mmCIF file of all heavy atoms, coordinates in Angstrom:
data_MODEL
# 
_entry.id   MODEL 
# 
loop_
_atom_site.group_PDB 
_atom_site.id 
_atom_site.type_symbol 
_atom_site.label_atom_id 
_atom_site.label_alt_id 
_atom_site.label_comp_id 
_atom_site.label_asym_id 
_atom_site.label_entity_id 
_atom_site.label_seq_id 
_atom_site.pdbx_PDB_ins_code 
_atom_site.Cartn_x 
_atom_site.Cartn_y 
_atom_site.Cartn_z 
_atom_site.occupancy 
_atom_site.B_iso_or_equiv 
_atom_site.pdbx_formal_charge 
_atom_site.auth_seq_id 
_atom_site.auth_comp_id 
_atom_site.auth_asym_id 
_atom_site.auth_atom_id 
_atom_site.pdbx_PDB_model_num 
ATOM 1   N N   . ASN A 1 1  ? -16.009 -4.544 2.922   1.00 0.00 ? 1  ASN A N   1 
ATOM 2   C CA  . ASN A 1 1  ? -16.509 -3.552 3.914   1.00 0.00 ? 1  ASN A CA  1 
ATOM 3   C C   . ASN A 1 1  ? -15.430 -3.389 4.957   1.00 0.00 ? 1  ASN A C   1 
ATOM 4   O O   . ASN A 1 1  ? -15.303 -2.129 5.398   1.00 0.00 ? 1  ASN A O   1 
ATOM 5   C CB  . ASN A 1 1  ? -17.760 -4.082 4.499   1.00 0.00 ? 1  ASN A CB  1 
ATOM 6   C CG  . ASN A 1 1  ? -18.973 -4.132 3.650   1.00 0.00 ? 1  ASN A CG  1 
ATOM 7   O OD1 . ASN A 1 1  ? -18.918 -3.278 2.552   1.00 0.00 ? 1  ASN A OD1 1 
ATOM 8   N ND2 . ASN A 1 1  ? -19.849 -4.879 3.824   1.00 0.00 ? 1  ASN A ND2 1 
ATOM 9   N N   . TYR A 1 2  ? -14.782 -4.199 5.502   1.00 0.00 ? 2  TYR A N   1 
ATOM 10  C CA  . TYR A 1 2  ? -13.739 -4.061 6.435   1.00 0.00 ? 2  TYR A CA  1 
ATOM 11  C C   . TYR A 1 2  ? -12.590 -3.107 5.921   1.00 0.00 ? 2  TYR A C   1 
ATOM 12  O O   . TYR A 1 2  ? -12.181 -2.183 6.643   1.00 0.00 ? 2  TYR A O   1 
ATOM 13  C CB  . TYR A 1 2  ? -13.118 -5.433 6.959   1.00 0.00 ? 2  TYR A CB  1 
ATOM 14  C CG  . TYR A 1 2  ? -11.988 -5.268 7.870   1.00 0.00 ? 2  TYR A CG  1 
ATOM 15  C CD1 . TYR A 1 2  ? -12.151 -4.892 9.124   1.00 0.00 ? 2  TYR A CD1 1 
ATOM 16  C CD2 . TYR A 1 2  ? -10.730 -5.584 7.424   1.00 0.00 ? 2  TYR A CD2 1 
ATOM 17  C CE1 . TYR A 1 2  ? -11.210 -4.805 10.055  1.00 0.00 ? 2  TYR A CE1 1 
ATOM 18  C CE2 . TYR A 1 2  ? -9.729  -5.436 8.264   1.00 0.00 ? 2  TYR A CE2 1 
ATOM 19  C CZ  . TYR A 1 2  ? -9.933  -5.039 9.598   1.00 0.00 ? 2  TYR A CZ  1 
ATOM 20  O OH  . TYR A 1 2  ? -8.803  -4.861 10.446  1.00 0.00 ? 2  TYR A OH  1 
ATOM 21  N N   . ILE A 1 3  ? -12.084 -3.415 4.682   1.00 0.00 ? 3  ILE A N   1 
ATOM 22  C CA  . ILE A 1 3  ? -11.055 -2.655 4.091   1.00 0.00 ? 3  ILE A CA  1 
ATOM 23  C C   . ILE A 1 3  ? -11.442 -1.207 3.906   1.00 0.00 ? 3  ILE A C   1 
ATOM 24  O O   . ILE A 1 3  ? -10.645 -0.277 4.183   1.00 0.00 ? 3  ILE A O   1 
ATOM 25  C CB  . ILE A 1 3  ? -10.548 -3.275 2.764   1.00 0.00 ? 3  ILE A CB  1 
ATOM 26  C CG1 . ILE A 1 3  ? -9.750  -4.566 3.095   1.00 0.00 ? 3  ILE A CG1 1 
ATOM 27  C CG2 . ILE A 1 3  ? -9.721  -2.401 1.989   1.00 0.00 ? 3  ILE A CG2 1 
ATOM 28  C CD1 . ILE A 1 3  ? -9.443  -5.417 1.878   1.00 0.00 ? 3  ILE A CD1 1 
ATOM 29  N N   . VAL A 1 4  ? -12.575 -1.058 3.348   1.00 0.00 ? 4  VAL A N   1 
ATOM 30  C CA  . VAL A 1 4  ? -13.095 0.393  3.146   1.00 0.00 ? 4  VAL A CA  1 
ATOM 31  C C   . VAL A 1 4  ? -13.234 1.050  4.477   1.00 0.00 ? 4  VAL A C   1 
ATOM 32  O O   . VAL A 1 4  ? -12.994 2.254  4.638   1.00 0.00 ? 4  VAL A O   1 
ATOM 33  C CB  . VAL A 1 4  ? -14.435 0.323  2.285   1.00 0.00 ? 4  VAL A CB  1 
ATOM 34  C CG1 . VAL A 1 4  ? -15.013 1.755  2.243   1.00 0.00 ? 4  VAL A CG1 1 
ATOM 35  C CG2 . VAL A 1 4  ? -14.163 -0.234 0.903   1.00 0.00 ? 4  VAL A CG2 1 
ATOM 36  N N   . GLY A 1 5  ? -13.799 0.339  5.492   1.00 0.00 ? 5  GLY A N   1 
ATOM 37  C CA  . GLY A 1 5  ? -13.945 0.994  6.785   1.00 0.00 ? 5  GLY A CA  1 
ATOM 38  C C   . GLY A 1 5  ? -12.701 1.394  7.379   1.00 0.00 ? 5  GLY A C   1 
ATOM 39  O O   . GLY A 1 5  ? -12.568 2.420  7.989   1.00 0.00 ? 5  GLY A O   1 
ATOM 40  N N   . MET A 1 6  ? -11.656 0.543  7.253   1.00 0.00 ? 6  MET A N   1 
ATOM 41  C CA  . MET A 1 6  ? -10.280 0.871  7.741   1.00 0.00 ? 6  MET A CA  1 
ATOM 42  C C   . MET A 1 6  ? -9.555  2.014  7.107   1.00 0.00 ? 6  MET A C   1 
ATOM 43  O O   . MET A 1 6  ? -8.748  2.646  7.640   1.00 0.00 ? 6  MET A O   1 
ATOM 44  C CB  . MET A 1 6  ? -9.380  -0.344 7.709   1.00 0.00 ? 6  MET A CB  1 
ATOM 45  C CG  . MET A 1 6  ? -9.819  -1.486 8.665   1.00 0.00 ? 6  MET A CG  1 
ATOM 46  S SD  . MET A 1 6  ? -9.578  -1.032 10.327  1.00 0.00 ? 6  MET A SD  1 
ATOM 47  C CE  . MET A 1 6  ? -7.799  -0.754 10.503  1.00 0.00 ? 6  MET A CE  1 
ATOM 48  N N   . GLY A 1 7  ? -9.948  2.212  5.824   1.00 0.00 ? 7  GLY A N   1 
ATOM 49  C CA  . GLY A 1 7  ? -9.300  3.314  5.050   1.00 0.00 ? 7  GLY A CA  1 
ATOM 50  C C   . GLY A 1 7  ? -9.380  4.714  5.666   1.00 0.00 ? 7  GLY A C   1 
ATOM 51  O O   . GLY A 1 7  ? -8.387  5.411  5.638   1.00 0.00 ? 7  GLY A O   1 
ATOM 52  N N   . PHE A 1 8  ? -10.584 5.094  6.184   1.00 0.00 ? 8  PHE A N   1 
ATOM 53  C CA  . PHE A 1 8  ? -10.716 6.463  6.581   1.00 0.00 ? 8  PHE A CA  1 
ATOM 54  C C   . PHE A 1 8  ? -11.377 6.536  8.031   1.00 0.00 ? 8  PHE A C   1 
ATOM 55  O O   . PHE A 1 8  ? -11.670 7.598  8.482   1.00 0.00 ? 8  PHE A O   1 
ATOM 56  C CB  . PHE A 1 8  ? -11.561 7.186  5.578   1.00 0.00 ? 8  PHE A CB  1 
ATOM 57  C CG  . PHE A 1 8  ? -10.753 7.725  4.470   1.00 0.00 ? 8  PHE A CG  1 
ATOM 58  C CD1 . PHE A 1 8  ? -10.743 7.026  3.325   1.00 0.00 ? 8  PHE A CD1 1 
ATOM 59  C CD2 . PHE A 1 8  ? -9.913  8.783  4.579   1.00 0.00 ? 8  PHE A CD2 1 
ATOM 60  C CE1 . PHE A 1 8  ? -9.996  7.390  2.180   1.00 0.00 ? 8  PHE A CE1 1 
ATOM 61  C CE2 . PHE A 1 8  ? -9.090  9.219  3.570   1.00 0.00 ? 8  PHE A CE2 1 
ATOM 62  C CZ  . PHE A 1 8  ? -9.244  8.500  2.333   1.00 0.00 ? 8  PHE A CZ  1 
ATOM 63  N N   . THR A 1 9  ? -11.684 5.455  8.670   1.00 0.00 ? 9  THR A N   1 
ATOM 64  C CA  . THR A 1 9  ? -12.313 5.539  9.956   1.00 0.00 ? 9  THR A CA  1 
ATOM 65  C C   . THR A 1 9  ? -11.253 5.424  11.052  1.00 0.00 ? 9  THR A C   1 
ATOM 66  O O   . THR A 1 9  ? -11.672 5.499  12.260  1.00 0.00 ? 9  THR A O   1 
ATOM 67  C CB  . THR A 1 9  ? -13.334 4.470  10.243  1.00 0.00 ? 9  THR A CB  1 
ATOM 68  O OG1 . THR A 1 9  ? -12.771 3.227  10.011  1.00 0.00 ? 9  THR A OG1 1 
ATOM 69  C CG2 . THR A 1 9  ? -14.584 4.637  9.226   1.00 0.00 ? 9  THR A CG2 1 
ATOM 70  N N   . SER A 1 10 ? -10.093 5.318  10.683  1.00 0.00 ? 10 SER A N   1 
ATOM 71  C CA  . SER A 1 10 ? -8.968  5.186  11.736  1.00 0.00 ? 10 SER A CA  1 
ATOM 72  C C   . SER A 1 10 ? -8.698  6.513  12.354  1.00 0.00 ? 10 SER A C   1 
ATOM 73  O O   . SER A 1 10 ? -9.313  7.513  11.945  1.00 0.00 ? 10 SER A O   1 
ATOM 74  C CB  . SER A 1 10 ? -7.720  4.528  11.204  1.00 0.00 ? 10 SER A CB  1 
ATOM 75  O OG  . SER A 1 10 ? -7.240  5.389  10.207  1.00 0.00 ? 10 SER A OG  1 
ATOM 76  N N   . ALA A 1 11 ? -7.937  6.599  13.385  1.00 0.00 ? 11 ALA A N   1 
ATOM 77  C CA  . ALA A 1 11 ? -7.657  7.904  14.016  1.00 0.00 ? 11 ALA A CA  1 
ATOM 78  C C   . ALA A 1 11 ? -6.946  8.866  13.124  1.00 0.00 ? 11 ALA A C   1 
ATOM 79  O O   . ALA A 1 11 ? -7.200  10.161 13.425  1.00 0.00 ? 11 ALA A O   1 
ATOM 80  C CB  . ALA A 1 11 ? -6.709  7.556  15.220  1.00 0.00 ? 11 ALA A CB  1 
ATOM 81  N N   . ASP A 1 12 ? -6.278  8.445  12.117  1.00 0.00 ? 12 ASP A N   1 
ATOM 82  C CA  . ASP A 1 12 ? -5.651  9.423  11.302  1.00 0.00 ? 12 ASP A CA  1 
ATOM 83  C C   . ASP A 1 12 ? -6.445  9.707  9.951   1.00 0.00 ? 12 ASP A C   1 
ATOM 84  O O   . ASP A 1 12 ? -5.909  10.415 9.019   1.00 0.00 ? 12 ASP A O   1 
ATOM 85  C CB  . ASP A 1 12 ? -4.263  9.083  10.860  1.00 0.00 ? 12 ASP A CB  1 
ATOM 86  C CG  . ASP A 1 12 ? -4.165  7.678  10.185  1.00 0.00 ? 12 ASP A CG  1 
ATOM 87  O OD1 . ASP A 1 12 ? -5.208  7.006  10.214  1.00 0.00 ? 12 ASP A OD1 1 
ATOM 88  O OD2 . ASP A 1 12 ? -3.088  7.321  9.670   1.00 0.00 ? 12 ASP A OD2 1 
ATOM 89  N N   . GLY A 1 13 ? -7.688  9.423  9.908   1.00 0.00 ? 13 GLY A N   1 
ATOM 90  C CA  . GLY A 1 13 ? -8.481  9.589  8.738   1.00 0.00 ? 13 GLY A CA  1 
ATOM 91  C C   . GLY A 1 13 ? -8.822  11.156 8.509   1.00 0.00 ? 13 GLY A C   1 
ATOM 92  O O   . GLY A 1 13 ? -8.861  11.462 7.391   1.00 0.00 ? 13 GLY A O   1 
ATOM 93  N N   . ILE A 1 14 ? -9.015  11.789 9.658   1.00 0.00 ? 14 ILE A N   1 
ATOM 94  C CA  . ILE A 1 14 ? -9.271  13.224 9.541   1.00 0.00 ? 14 ILE A CA  1 
ATOM 95  C C   . ILE A 1 14 ? -8.191  13.975 8.999   1.00 0.00 ? 14 ILE A C   1 
ATOM 96  O O   . ILE A 1 14 ? -8.114  14.859 8.262   1.00 0.00 ? 14 ILE A O   1 
ATOM 97  C CB  . ILE A 1 14 ? -9.749  13.738 10.960  1.00 0.00 ? 14 ILE A CB  1 
ATOM 98  C CG1 . ILE A 1 14 ? -11.092 13.161 11.268  1.00 0.00 ? 14 ILE A CG1 1 
ATOM 99  C CG2 . ILE A 1 14 ? -9.814  15.358 10.924  1.00 0.00 ? 14 ILE A CG2 1 
ATOM 100 C CD1 . ILE A 1 14 ? -11.522 13.465 12.703  1.00 0.00 ? 14 ILE A CD1 1 
ATOM 101 N N   . ARG A 1 15 ? -6.875  13.558 9.524   1.00 0.00 ? 15 ARG A N   1 
ATOM 102 C CA  . ARG A 1 15 ? -5.612  14.081 8.965   1.00 0.00 ? 15 ARG A CA  1 
ATOM 103 C C   . ARG A 1 15 ? -5.502  13.907 7.549   1.00 0.00 ? 15 ARG A C   1 
ATOM 104 O O   . ARG A 1 15 ? -5.090  14.803 6.746   1.00 0.00 ? 15 ARG A O   1 
ATOM 105 C CB  . ARG A 1 15 ? -4.443  13.466 9.672   1.00 0.00 ? 15 ARG A CB  1 
ATOM 106 C CG  . ARG A 1 15 ? -3.131  14.045 9.402   1.00 0.00 ? 15 ARG A CG  1 
ATOM 107 C CD  . ARG A 1 15 ? -1.993  13.336 9.983   1.00 0.00 ? 15 ARG A CD  1 
ATOM 108 N NE  . ARG A 1 15 ? -1.784  11.994 9.192   1.00 0.00 ? 15 ARG A NE  1 
ATOM 109 C CZ  . ARG A 1 15 ? -1.410  10.970 9.887   1.00 0.00 ? 15 ARG A CZ  1 
ATOM 110 N NH1 . ARG A 1 15 ? -1.004  10.983 11.063  1.00 0.00 ? 15 ARG A NH1 1 
ATOM 111 N NH2 . ARG A 1 15 ? -1.245  9.871  9.211   1.00 0.00 ? 15 ARG A NH2 1 
ATOM 112 N N   . ALA A 1 16 ? -5.855  12.674 6.972   1.00 0.00 ? 16 ALA A N   1 
ATOM 113 C CA  . ALA A 1 16 ? -5.775  12.455 5.543   1.00 0.00 ? 16 ALA A CA  1 
ATOM 114 C C   . ALA A 1 16 ? -6.607  13.334 4.633   1.00 0.00 ? 16 ALA A C   1 
ATOM 115 O O   . ALA A 1 16 ? -6.332  13.894 3.714   1.00 0.00 ? 16 ALA A O   1 
ATOM 116 C CB  . ALA A 1 16 ? -6.063  11.017 5.287   1.00 0.00 ? 16 ALA A CB  1 
ATOM 117 N N   . VAL A 1 17 ? -7.883  13.633 5.236   1.00 0.00 ? 17 VAL A N   1 
ATOM 118 C CA  . VAL A 1 17 ? -8.848  14.452 4.554   1.00 0.00 ? 17 VAL A CA  1 
ATOM 119 C C   . VAL A 1 17 ? -8.374  15.864 4.587   1.00 0.00 ? 17 VAL A C   1 
ATOM 120 O O   . VAL A 1 17 ? -8.381  16.562 3.615   1.00 0.00 ? 17 VAL A O   1 
ATOM 121 C CB  . VAL A 1 17 ? -10.200 14.391 5.292   1.00 0.00 ? 17 VAL A CB  1 
ATOM 122 C CG1 . VAL A 1 17 ? -11.122 15.399 4.769   1.00 0.00 ? 17 VAL A CG1 1 
ATOM 123 C CG2 . VAL A 1 17 ? -10.829 12.982 5.067   1.00 0.00 ? 17 VAL A CG2 1 
ATOM 124 N N   . ILE A 1 18 ? -7.753  16.321 5.632   1.00 0.00 ? 18 ILE A N   1 
ATOM 125 C CA  . ILE A 1 18 ? -7.306  17.736 5.798   1.00 0.00 ? 18 ILE A CA  1 
ATOM 126 C C   . ILE A 1 18 ? -6.097  17.953 4.706   1.00 0.00 ? 18 ILE A C   1 
ATOM 127 O O   . ILE A 1 18 ? -6.047  18.923 4.072   1.00 0.00 ? 18 ILE A O   1 
ATOM 128 C CB  . ILE A 1 18 ? -6.918  18.147 7.203   1.00 0.00 ? 18 ILE A CB  1 
ATOM 129 C CG1 . ILE A 1 18 ? -8.090  18.265 8.030   1.00 0.00 ? 18 ILE A CG1 1 
ATOM 130 C CG2 . ILE A 1 18 ? -6.080  19.434 7.221   1.00 0.00 ? 18 ILE A CG2 1 
ATOM 131 C CD1 . ILE A 1 18 ? -7.901  18.417 9.519   1.00 0.00 ? 18 ILE A CD1 1 
ATOM 132 N N   . ILE A 1 19 ? -5.218  16.969 4.697   1.00 0.00 ? 19 ILE A N   1 
ATOM 133 C CA  . ILE A 1 19 ? -4.056  17.065 3.839   1.00 0.00 ? 19 ILE A CA  1 
ATOM 134 C C   . ILE A 1 19 ? -4.541  17.056 2.352   1.00 0.00 ? 19 ILE A C   1 
ATOM 135 O O   . ILE A 1 19 ? -3.999  17.798 1.572   1.00 0.00 ? 19 ILE A O   1 
ATOM 136 C CB  . ILE A 1 19 ? -3.064  15.857 4.100   1.00 0.00 ? 19 ILE A CB  1 
ATOM 137 C CG1 . ILE A 1 19 ? -2.312  16.013 5.420   1.00 0.00 ? 19 ILE A CG1 1 
ATOM 138 C CG2 . ILE A 1 19 ? -2.116  15.777 2.943   1.00 0.00 ? 19 ILE A CG2 1 
ATOM 139 C CD1 . ILE A 1 19 ? -1.541  14.814 5.806   1.00 0.00 ? 19 ILE A CD1 1 
ATOM 140 N N   . ALA A 1 20 ? -5.576  16.258 2.056   1.00 0.00 ? 20 ALA A N   1 
ATOM 141 C CA  . ALA A 1 20 ? -6.064  16.128 0.785   1.00 0.00 ? 20 ALA A CA  1 
ATOM 142 C C   . ALA A 1 20 ? -6.674  17.517 0.250   1.00 0.00 ? 20 ALA A C   1 
ATOM 143 O O   . ALA A 1 20 ? -6.466  17.938 -0.842  1.00 0.00 ? 20 ALA A O   1 
ATOM 144 C CB  . ALA A 1 20 ? -7.113  14.938 0.492   1.00 0.00 ? 20 ALA A CB  1 
ATOM 145 N N   . LEU A 1 21 ? -7.420  18.011 1.164   1.00 0.00 ? 21 LEU A N   1 
ATOM 146 C CA  . LEU A 1 21 ? -8.070  19.319 0.890   1.00 0.00 ? 21 LEU A CA  1 
ATOM 147 C C   . LEU A 1 21 ? -7.091  20.459 0.718   1.00 0.00 ? 21 LEU A C   1 
ATOM 148 O O   . LEU A 1 21 ? -7.162  21.245 -0.169  1.00 0.00 ? 21 LEU A O   1 
ATOM 149 C CB  . LEU A 1 21 ? -9.136  19.737 1.987   1.00 0.00 ? 21 LEU A CB  1 
ATOM 150 C CG  . LEU A 1 21 ? -10.428 18.875 1.924   1.00 0.00 ? 21 LEU A CG  1 
ATOM 151 C CD1 . LEU A 1 21 ? -11.230 19.213 3.094   1.00 0.00 ? 21 LEU A CD1 1 
ATOM 152 C CD2 . LEU A 1 21 ? -11.181 19.023 0.635   1.00 0.00 ? 21 LEU A CD2 1 
ATOM 153 N N   . ILE A 1 22 ? -5.974  20.482 1.443   1.00 0.00 ? 22 ILE A N   1 
ATOM 154 C CA  . ILE A 1 22 ? -4.927  21.434 1.315   1.00 0.00 ? 22 ILE A CA  1 
ATOM 155 C C   . ILE A 1 22 ? -4.241  21.266 -0.034  1.00 0.00 ? 22 ILE A C   1 
ATOM 156 O O   . ILE A 1 22 ? -4.001  22.330 -0.673  1.00 0.00 ? 22 ILE A O   1 
ATOM 157 C CB  . ILE A 1 22 ? -3.987  21.382 2.555   1.00 0.00 ? 22 ILE A CB  1 
ATOM 158 C CG1 . ILE A 1 22 ? -4.709  21.864 3.785   1.00 0.00 ? 22 ILE A CG1 1 
ATOM 159 C CG2 . ILE A 1 22 ? -2.727  22.303 2.269   1.00 0.00 ? 22 ILE A CG2 1 
ATOM 160 C CD1 . ILE A 1 22 ? -3.878  21.724 5.081   1.00 0.00 ? 22 ILE A CD1 1 
ATOM 161 N N   . VAL A 1 23 ? -3.821  20.087 -0.304  1.00 0.00 ? 23 VAL A N   1 
ATOM 162 C CA  . VAL A 1 23 ? -3.254  19.804 -1.563  1.00 0.00 ? 23 VAL A CA  1 
ATOM 163 C C   . VAL A 1 23 ? -4.181  20.117 -2.720  1.00 0.00 ? 23 VAL A C   1 
ATOM 164 O O   . VAL A 1 23 ? -3.612  20.678 -3.758  1.00 0.00 ? 23 VAL A O   1 
ATOM 165 C CB  . VAL A 1 23 ? -2.770  18.376 -1.674  1.00 0.00 ? 23 VAL A CB  1 
ATOM 166 C CG1 . VAL A 1 23 ? -2.322  17.977 -3.084  1.00 0.00 ? 23 VAL A CG1 1 
ATOM 167 C CG2 . VAL A 1 23 ? -1.673  18.100 -0.682  1.00 0.00 ? 23 VAL A CG2 1 
ATOM 168 N N   . SER A 1 24 ? -5.464  19.922 -2.675  1.00 0.00 ? 24 SER A N   1 
ATOM 169 C CA  . SER A 1 24 ? -6.332  20.244 -3.749  1.00 0.00 ? 24 SER A CA  1 
ATOM 170 C C   . SER A 1 24 ? -6.370  21.786 -3.970  1.00 0.00 ? 24 SER A C   1 
ATOM 171 O O   . SER A 1 24 ? -6.615  22.201 -5.166  1.00 0.00 ? 24 SER A O   1 
ATOM 172 C CB  . SER A 1 24 ? -7.792  19.777 -3.460  1.00 0.00 ? 24 SER A CB  1 
ATOM 173 O OG  . SER A 1 24 ? -8.355  20.553 -2.443  1.00 0.00 ? 24 SER A OG  1 
ATOM 174 N N   . GLN A 1 25 ? -6.112  22.571 -3.027  1.00 0.00 ? 25 GLN A N   1 
ATOM 175 C CA  . GLN A 1 25 ? -6.080  24.001 -3.316  1.00 0.00 ? 25 GLN A CA  1 
ATOM 176 C C   . GLN A 1 25 ? -4.790  24.463 -3.866  1.00 0.00 ? 25 GLN A C   1 
ATOM 177 O O   . GLN A 1 25 ? -4.701  25.574 -4.386  1.00 0.00 ? 25 GLN A O   1 
ATOM 178 C CB  . GLN A 1 25 ? -6.290  24.754 -1.884  1.00 0.00 ? 25 GLN A CB  1 
ATOM 179 C CG  . GLN A 1 25 ? -7.621  24.457 -1.209  1.00 0.00 ? 25 GLN A CG  1 
ATOM 180 C CD  . GLN A 1 25 ? -8.748  24.601 -2.145  1.00 0.00 ? 25 GLN A CD  1 
ATOM 181 O OE1 . GLN A 1 25 ? -8.935  25.601 -2.739  1.00 0.00 ? 25 GLN A OE1 1 
ATOM 182 N NE2 . GLN A 1 25 ? -9.599  23.608 -2.326  1.00 0.00 ? 25 GLN A NE2 1 
ATOM 183 N N   . MET A 1 26 ? -3.767  23.698 -3.871  1.00 0.00 ? 26 MET A N   1 
ATOM 184 C CA  . MET A 1 26 ? -2.370  23.988 -4.457  1.00 0.00 ? 26 MET A CA  1 
ATOM 185 C C   . MET A 1 26 ? -2.291  23.596 -5.924  1.00 0.00 ? 26 MET A C   1 
ATOM 186 O O   . MET A 1 26 ? -1.369  23.853 -6.546  1.00 0.00 ? 26 MET A O   1 
ATOM 187 C CB  . MET A 1 26 ? -1.281  23.345 -3.626  1.00 0.00 ? 26 MET A CB  1 
ATOM 188 C CG  . MET A 1 26 ? -1.212  24.082 -2.353  1.00 0.00 ? 26 MET A CG  1 
ATOM 189 S SD  . MET A 1 26 ? 0.283   23.517 -1.432  1.00 0.00 ? 26 MET A SD  1 
ATOM 190 C CE  . MET A 1 26 ? -0.222  21.920 -0.827  1.00 0.00 ? 26 MET A CE  1 
ATOM 191 N N   . MET A 1 27 ? -3.338  22.828 -6.412  1.00 0.00 ? 27 MET A N   1 
ATOM 192 C CA  . MET A 1 27 ? -3.282  22.270 -7.763  1.00 0.00 ? 27 MET A CA  1 
ATOM 193 C C   . MET A 1 27 ? -3.300  23.352 -8.802  1.00 0.00 ? 27 MET A C   1 
ATOM 194 O O   . MET A 1 27 ? -3.905  24.342 -8.713  1.00 0.00 ? 27 MET A O   1 
ATOM 195 C CB  . MET A 1 27 ? -4.290  21.245 -7.992  1.00 0.00 ? 27 MET A CB  1 
ATOM 196 C CG  . MET A 1 27 ? -4.240  19.904 -7.355  1.00 0.00 ? 27 MET A CG  1 
ATOM 197 S SD  . MET A 1 27 ? -5.577  18.805 -7.758  1.00 0.00 ? 27 MET A SD  1 
ATOM 198 C CE  . MET A 1 27 ? -5.385  18.660 -9.485  1.00 0.00 ? 27 MET A CE  1 
ATOM 199 N N   . GLN A 1 28 ? -2.530  23.044 -9.823  1.00 0.00 ? 28 GLN A N   1 
ATOM 200 C CA  . GLN A 1 28 ? -2.561  24.002 -11.057 1.00 0.00 ? 28 GLN A CA  1 
ATOM 201 C C   . GLN A 1 28 ? -3.794  23.585 -11.942 1.00 0.00 ? 28 GLN A C   1 
ATOM 202 O O   . GLN A 1 28 ? -4.368  22.586 -11.737 1.00 0.00 ? 28 GLN A O   1 
ATOM 203 C CB  . GLN A 1 28 ? -1.237  23.865 -11.796 1.00 0.00 ? 28 GLN A CB  1 
ATOM 204 C CG  . GLN A 1 28 ? -0.039  24.156 -11.032 1.00 0.00 ? 28 GLN A CG  1 
ATOM 205 C CD  . GLN A 1 28 ? 0.002   25.619 -10.553 1.00 0.00 ? 28 GLN A CD  1 
ATOM 206 O OE1 . GLN A 1 28 ? -0.337  26.461 -11.338 1.00 0.00 ? 28 GLN A OE1 1 
ATOM 207 N NE2 . GLN A 1 28 ? 0.515   25.845 -9.333  1.00 0.00 ? 28 GLN A NE2 1 
ATOM 208 N N   . LYS A 1 29 ? -4.058  24.433 -12.942 1.00 0.00 ? 29 LYS A N   1 
ATOM 209 C CA  . LYS A 1 29 ? -5.187  24.162 -13.825 1.00 0.00 ? 29 LYS A CA  1 
ATOM 210 C C   . LYS A 1 29 ? -5.219  22.868 -14.531 1.00 0.00 ? 29 LYS A C   1 
ATOM 211 O O   . LYS A 1 29 ? -6.231  22.198 -14.648 1.00 0.00 ? 29 LYS A O   1 
ATOM 212 C CB  . LYS A 1 29 ? -5.463  25.337 -14.746 1.00 0.00 ? 29 LYS A CB  1 
ATOM 213 C CG  . LYS A 1 29 ? -6.728  25.297 -15.600 1.00 0.00 ? 29 LYS A CG  1 
ATOM 214 C CD  . LYS A 1 29 ? -6.909  26.635 -16.347 1.00 0.00 ? 29 LYS A CD  1 
ATOM 215 C CE  . LYS A 1 29 ? -8.201  26.608 -17.032 1.00 0.00 ? 29 LYS A CE  1 
ATOM 216 N NZ  . LYS A 1 29 ? -8.469  27.759 -17.656 1.00 0.00 ? 29 LYS A NZ  1 
ATOM 217 N N   . TYR A 1 30 ? -4.079  22.508 -15.216 1.00 0.00 ? 30 TYR A N   1 
ATOM 218 C CA  . TYR A 1 30 ? -4.005  21.352 -15.984 1.00 0.00 ? 30 TYR A CA  1 
ATOM 219 C C   . TYR A 1 30 ? -3.142  20.290 -15.358 1.00 0.00 ? 30 TYR A C   1 
ATOM 220 O O   . TYR A 1 30 ? -2.468  19.509 -16.016 1.00 0.00 ? 30 TYR A O   1 
ATOM 221 C CB  . TYR A 1 30 ? -3.496  21.679 -17.427 1.00 0.00 ? 30 TYR A CB  1 
ATOM 222 C CG  . TYR A 1 30 ? -4.316  22.592 -18.119 1.00 0.00 ? 30 TYR A CG  1 
ATOM 223 C CD1 . TYR A 1 30 ? -4.019  23.971 -18.337 1.00 0.00 ? 30 TYR A CD1 1 
ATOM 224 C CD2 . TYR A 1 30 ? -5.530  22.228 -18.678 1.00 0.00 ? 30 TYR A CD2 1 
ATOM 225 C CE1 . TYR A 1 30 ? -4.952  24.795 -19.010 1.00 0.00 ? 30 TYR A CE1 1 
ATOM 226 C CE2 . TYR A 1 30 ? -6.430  22.979 -19.311 1.00 0.00 ? 30 TYR A CE2 1 
ATOM 227 C CZ  . TYR A 1 30 ? -6.153  24.274 -19.484 1.00 0.00 ? 30 TYR A CZ  1 
ATOM 228 O OH  . TYR A 1 30 ? -6.933  25.093 -20.111 1.00 0.00 ? 30 TYR A OH  1 
ATOM 229 N N   . ALA A 1 31 ? -3.211  20.168 -14.033 1.00 0.00 ? 31 ALA A N   1 
ATOM 230 C CA  . ALA A 1 31 ? -2.366  19.196 -13.380 1.00 0.00 ? 31 ALA A CA  1 
ATOM 231 C C   . ALA A 1 31 ? -3.040  17.831 -13.364 1.00 0.00 ? 31 ALA A C   1 
ATOM 232 O O   . ALA A 1 31 ? -4.207  17.607 -13.516 1.00 0.00 ? 31 ALA A O   1 
ATOM 233 C CB  . ALA A 1 31 ? -2.218  19.650 -11.937 1.00 0.00 ? 31 ALA A CB  1 
# 
């Protein structure tokens, strides 16, 4: 529970989500 909580509840968790969503929009069809 501690490890999962530290993964995305830190101060840079929102930044990681935004980066992931931007990268998901750049993916090719069979990537």
